Amino acid sequence: MAPQLLGAILSHDSDEGRVSVRLTEVEAYLGEGQDPGSHAFRGRTPRTASMFGEPGHLYAYFTYGMHVCANVVCSPVGEASAVLLRAGEIVDGVDLARRRRPTARLDRDLARGPARLVLAVGIALAEDGADLSRPPFQLEPPREPAATPVTSLRTGVSGDGGRPPFAWRFALAGDPTVSPYKRHPKA
């Protein structure tokens, strides 16, 4: 599912307006007992409940005590898997995204990284579990399949989940909004 999300447009409406991002980088995570890099590896918890929910819904989580990250749930109910939205190009609502991300020097940096993407688009942790096909969200598949994506190890994942065979980071080759690879310090 992850490579199929490259080029998709995720839109989010708020009282401030709409921001839309074209996804340029994602990472895949499998569920319980399958993927040591996944939040769901050890089973369902209150934090991961939506990851075990309906496909096409949002799995949002708080990380590092300061950031929210967003994922698209991909497996049937009861089976956890999700695709982390790592980076994208803001294609609608650029001025609003700039106000939300005033430290971004260039527009390519507005949603370059998972926490930055969430800030620019305006996704809140309270929206965890939301249906991405209903307001305030809209997830449109890409108009045409992306060219063969670049694949690599997942960024910042330690232990076995940060090594092959988990090279499940997918990105549009040469796109300036793709975030740089960061190896986990313990990897």
Protein backbone atom coordinates (compact mmCIF):
# COMPACT_ATOMS: atom_id res chain seq x y z
CA MET A 1 0.00 0.00 0.00
CA ALA A 2 2.78 2.46 0.87
CA PRO A 3 4.12 3.05 -2.67
CA GLN A 4 0.55 3.51 -3.91
CA LEU A 5 0.17 6.54 -1.61
CA LEU A 6 3.03 8.40 -3.31
CA GLY A 7 1.47 11.26 -5.25
CA ALA A 8 -1.83 11.03 -3.35
CA ILE A 9 -3.32 14.30 -2.09
CA LEU A 10 -4.33 14.58 1.56
CA SER A 11 -6.49 17.61 2.38
CA HIS A 12 -7.53 18.84 5.79
CA ASP A 13 -10.11 21.54 6.47
CA SER A 14 -10.15 23.65 9.61
CA ASP A 15 -11.65 26.95 10.73
CA GLU A 16 -8.51 28.58 9.31
CA GLY A 17 -8.96 27.03 5.86
CA ARG A 18 -7.83 24.08 3.77
CA VAL A 19 -4.31 22.75 3.35
CA SER A 20 -3.54 19.96 0.88
CA VAL A 21 -0.32 17.99 0.63
CA ARG A 22 0.89 15.76 -2.21
CA LEU A 23 2.63 12.83 -0.53
CA THR A 24 6.23 12.37 -1.64
CA GLU A 25 7.63 10.11 1.11
CA VAL A 26 6.08 7.39 3.28
CA GLU A 27 7.13 4.46 5.50
CA ALA A 28 5.29 1.16 5.97
CA TYR A 29 4.79 -0.60 9.31
CA LEU A 30 3.29 -4.05 9.88
CA GLY A 31 1.50 -5.23 12.98
CA GLU A 32 1.57 -7.52 15.91
CA GLY A 33 4.58 -9.84 16.06
CA GLN A 34 5.65 -9.08 12.47
CA ASP A 35 7.58 -5.82 12.44
CA PRO A 36 9.85 -4.91 15.38
CA GLY A 37 9.83 -1.26 14.25
CA SER A 38 6.04 -1.00 14.53
CA HIS A 39 4.11 0.43 17.47
CA ALA A 40 1.82 -2.60 17.16
CA PHE A 41 4.60 -5.19 17.39
CA ARG A 42 3.73 -6.16 20.98
CA GLY A 43 -0.02 -5.97 20.45
CA ARG A 44 -2.89 -3.57 20.87
CA THR A 45 -2.60 -0.75 23.40
CA PRO A 46 -4.72 2.37 23.98
CA ARG A 47 -2.15 4.32 21.91
CA THR A 48 -2.31 1.89 18.95
CA ALA A 49 -6.04 1.09 19.00
CA SER A 50 -6.77 2.96 15.76
CA MET A 51 -3.92 1.12 14.02
CA PHE A 52 -6.01 -2.05 14.52
CA GLY A 53 -9.12 -0.27 13.22
CA GLU A 54 -10.64 0.30 9.82
CA PRO A 55 -8.41 0.85 6.81
CA GLY A 56 -8.42 4.36 5.41
CA HIS A 57 -8.53 5.90 8.87
CA LEU A 58 -5.96 8.07 10.61
CA TYR A 59 -3.52 6.70 13.16
CA ALA A 60 -2.07 9.76 14.91
CA TYR A 61 0.34 9.53 17.81
CA PHE A 62 2.41 11.76 20.05
CA THR A 63 6.15 11.21 19.97
CA TYR A 64 9.27 12.54 21.66
CA GLY A 65 7.06 14.48 24.07
CA MET A 66 6.45 17.22 21.51
CA HIS A 67 5.39 16.01 18.05
CA VAL A 68 2.34 14.45 16.44
CA CYS A 69 2.80 12.08 13.50
CA ALA A 70 0.12 10.78 11.12
CA ASN A 71 -0.40 7.43 9.40
CA VAL A 72 -2.94 5.83 7.10
CA VAL A 73 -4.30 2.53 8.49
CA CYS A 74 -4.08 -0.17 5.81
CA SER A 75 -5.13 -3.63 7.04
CA PRO A 76 -8.53 -5.16 7.77
CA VAL A 77 -10.02 -4.49 11.20
CA GLY A 78 -8.13 -6.41 13.87
CA GLU A 79 -4.86 -6.55 11.91
CA ALA A 80 -2.50 -3.65 12.47
CA SER A 81 -0.56 -1.94 9.72
CA ALA A 82 -0.08 1.68 8.84
CA VAL A 83 1.82 3.96 6.51
CA LEU A 84 3.59 6.90 8.11
CA LEU A 85 3.23 10.14 6.15
CA ARG A 86 6.84 11.34 6.13
CA ALA A 87 6.90 14.24 3.67
CA GLY A 88 5.04 16.07 0.96
CA GLU A 89 4.56 19.15 -1.16
CA ILE A 90 1.91 21.64 -0.07
CA VAL A 91 -0.29 22.09 -3.16
CA ASP A 92 -3.16 24.10 -1.64
CA GLY A 93 -3.22 26.46 1.33
CA VAL A 94 0.46 27.39 1.12
CA ASP A 95 -0.05 30.69 2.99
CA LEU A 96 -1.80 28.91 5.87
CA ALA A 97 0.92 26.23 5.94
CA ARG A 98 3.54 29.00 6.10
CA ARG A 99 1.77 30.56 9.11
CA ARG A 100 1.72 27.18 10.84
CA ARG A 101 5.40 26.54 10.02
CA PRO A 102 7.03 29.98 10.32
CA THR A 103 10.52 28.50 10.75
CA ALA A 104 10.46 26.88 7.29
CA ARG A 105 12.80 28.94 5.13
CA LEU A 106 11.63 27.42 1.84
CA ASP A 107 8.24 26.10 0.73
CA ARG A 108 9.83 22.70 0.07
CA ASP A 109 10.49 22.47 3.83
CA LEU A 110 6.89 23.13 4.93
CA ALA A 111 6.01 19.41 5.10
CA ARG A 112 9.49 17.87 4.90
CA GLY A 113 9.39 15.39 7.77
CA PRO A 114 6.48 13.68 9.55
CA ALA A 115 5.96 16.19 12.38
CA ARG A 116 6.35 19.14 10.00
CA LEU A 117 3.79 17.63 7.64
CA VAL A 118 1.28 17.29 10.49
CA LEU A 119 1.85 20.90 11.60
CA ALA A 120 1.58 22.32 8.08
CA VAL A 121 -1.60 20.40 7.30
CA GLY A 122 -3.09 21.12 10.74
CA ILE A 123 -3.74 17.55 11.91
CA ALA A 124 -4.44 17.27 15.65
CA LEU A 125 -3.78 14.31 17.91
CA ALA A 126 -7.48 14.39 18.80
CA GLU A 127 -8.24 13.39 15.19
CA ASP A 128 -6.70 9.94 15.74
CA GLY A 129 -9.08 7.37 14.25
CA ALA A 130 -10.74 9.83 11.84
CA ASP A 131 -12.02 8.55 8.51
CA LEU A 132 -9.75 10.04 5.83
CA SER A 133 -12.57 9.93 3.28
CA ARG A 134 -14.88 12.20 5.31
CA PRO A 135 -14.65 15.84 6.39
CA PRO A 136 -12.49 17.38 7.64
CA PHE A 137 -10.26 15.08 5.59
CA GLN A 138 -10.08 14.05 1.97
CA LEU A 139 -7.57 11.51 0.63
CA GLU A 140 -7.41 11.39 -3.16
CA PRO A 141 -5.40 8.64 -4.86
CA PRO A 142 -2.69 9.77 -7.26
CA ARG A 143 -3.94 10.69 -10.72
CA GLU A 144 -1.30 8.42 -12.20
CA PRO A 145 0.98 5.84 -10.58
CA ALA A 146 4.27 7.20 -9.34
CA ALA A 147 7.40 6.23 -11.21
CA THR A 148 9.40 3.52 -9.50
CA PRO A 149 9.96 4.90 -6.02
CA VAL A 150 13.28 5.09 -4.25
CA THR A 151 13.38 2.62 -1.34
CA SER A 152 15.57 2.62 1.73
CA LEU A 153 15.66 1.72 5.39
CA ARG A 154 13.16 3.52 7.59
CA THR A 155 14.41 6.73 9.16
CA GLY A 156 15.25 6.77 12.87
CA VAL A 157 14.20 3.17 13.56
CA SER A 158 16.54 1.21 15.86
CA GLY A 159 17.04 -2.50 16.36
CA ASP A 160 15.89 -5.15 13.92
CA GLY A 161 13.12 -2.88 12.56
CA GLY A 162 15.77 -0.48 11.27
CA ARG A 163 17.60 -3.10 9.25
CA PRO A 164 16.91 -5.16 6.16
CA PRO A 165 14.47 -6.76 5.42
CA PHE A 166 12.54 -3.68 6.59
CA ALA A 167 13.60 -1.29 3.83
CA TRP A 168 10.08 0.09 3.72
CA ARG A 169 10.71 3.78 3.21
CA PHE A 170 9.39 4.87 -0.18
CA ALA A 171 9.95 8.24 -1.84
CA LEU A 172 9.57 9.97 -5.17
CA ALA A 173 13.03 10.03 -6.74
CA GLY A 174 14.60 13.47 -6.86
CA ASP A 175 11.67 15.28 -5.23
CA PRO A 176 13.00 18.25 -3.20
CA THR A 177 10.42 17.76 -0.43
CA VAL A 178 11.73 14.29 0.52
CA SER A 179 13.42 14.39 3.91
CA PRO A 180 17.03 13.33 4.33
CA TYR A 181 17.67 9.85 5.72
CA LYS A 182 18.58 9.83 9.42
CA ARG A 183 19.97 6.65 10.86
CA HIS A 184 18.92 5.94 14.46
CA PRO A 185 21.91 6.51 16.78
CA LYS A 186 21.62 2.93 18.09
CA ALA A 187 21.23 1.32 14.66
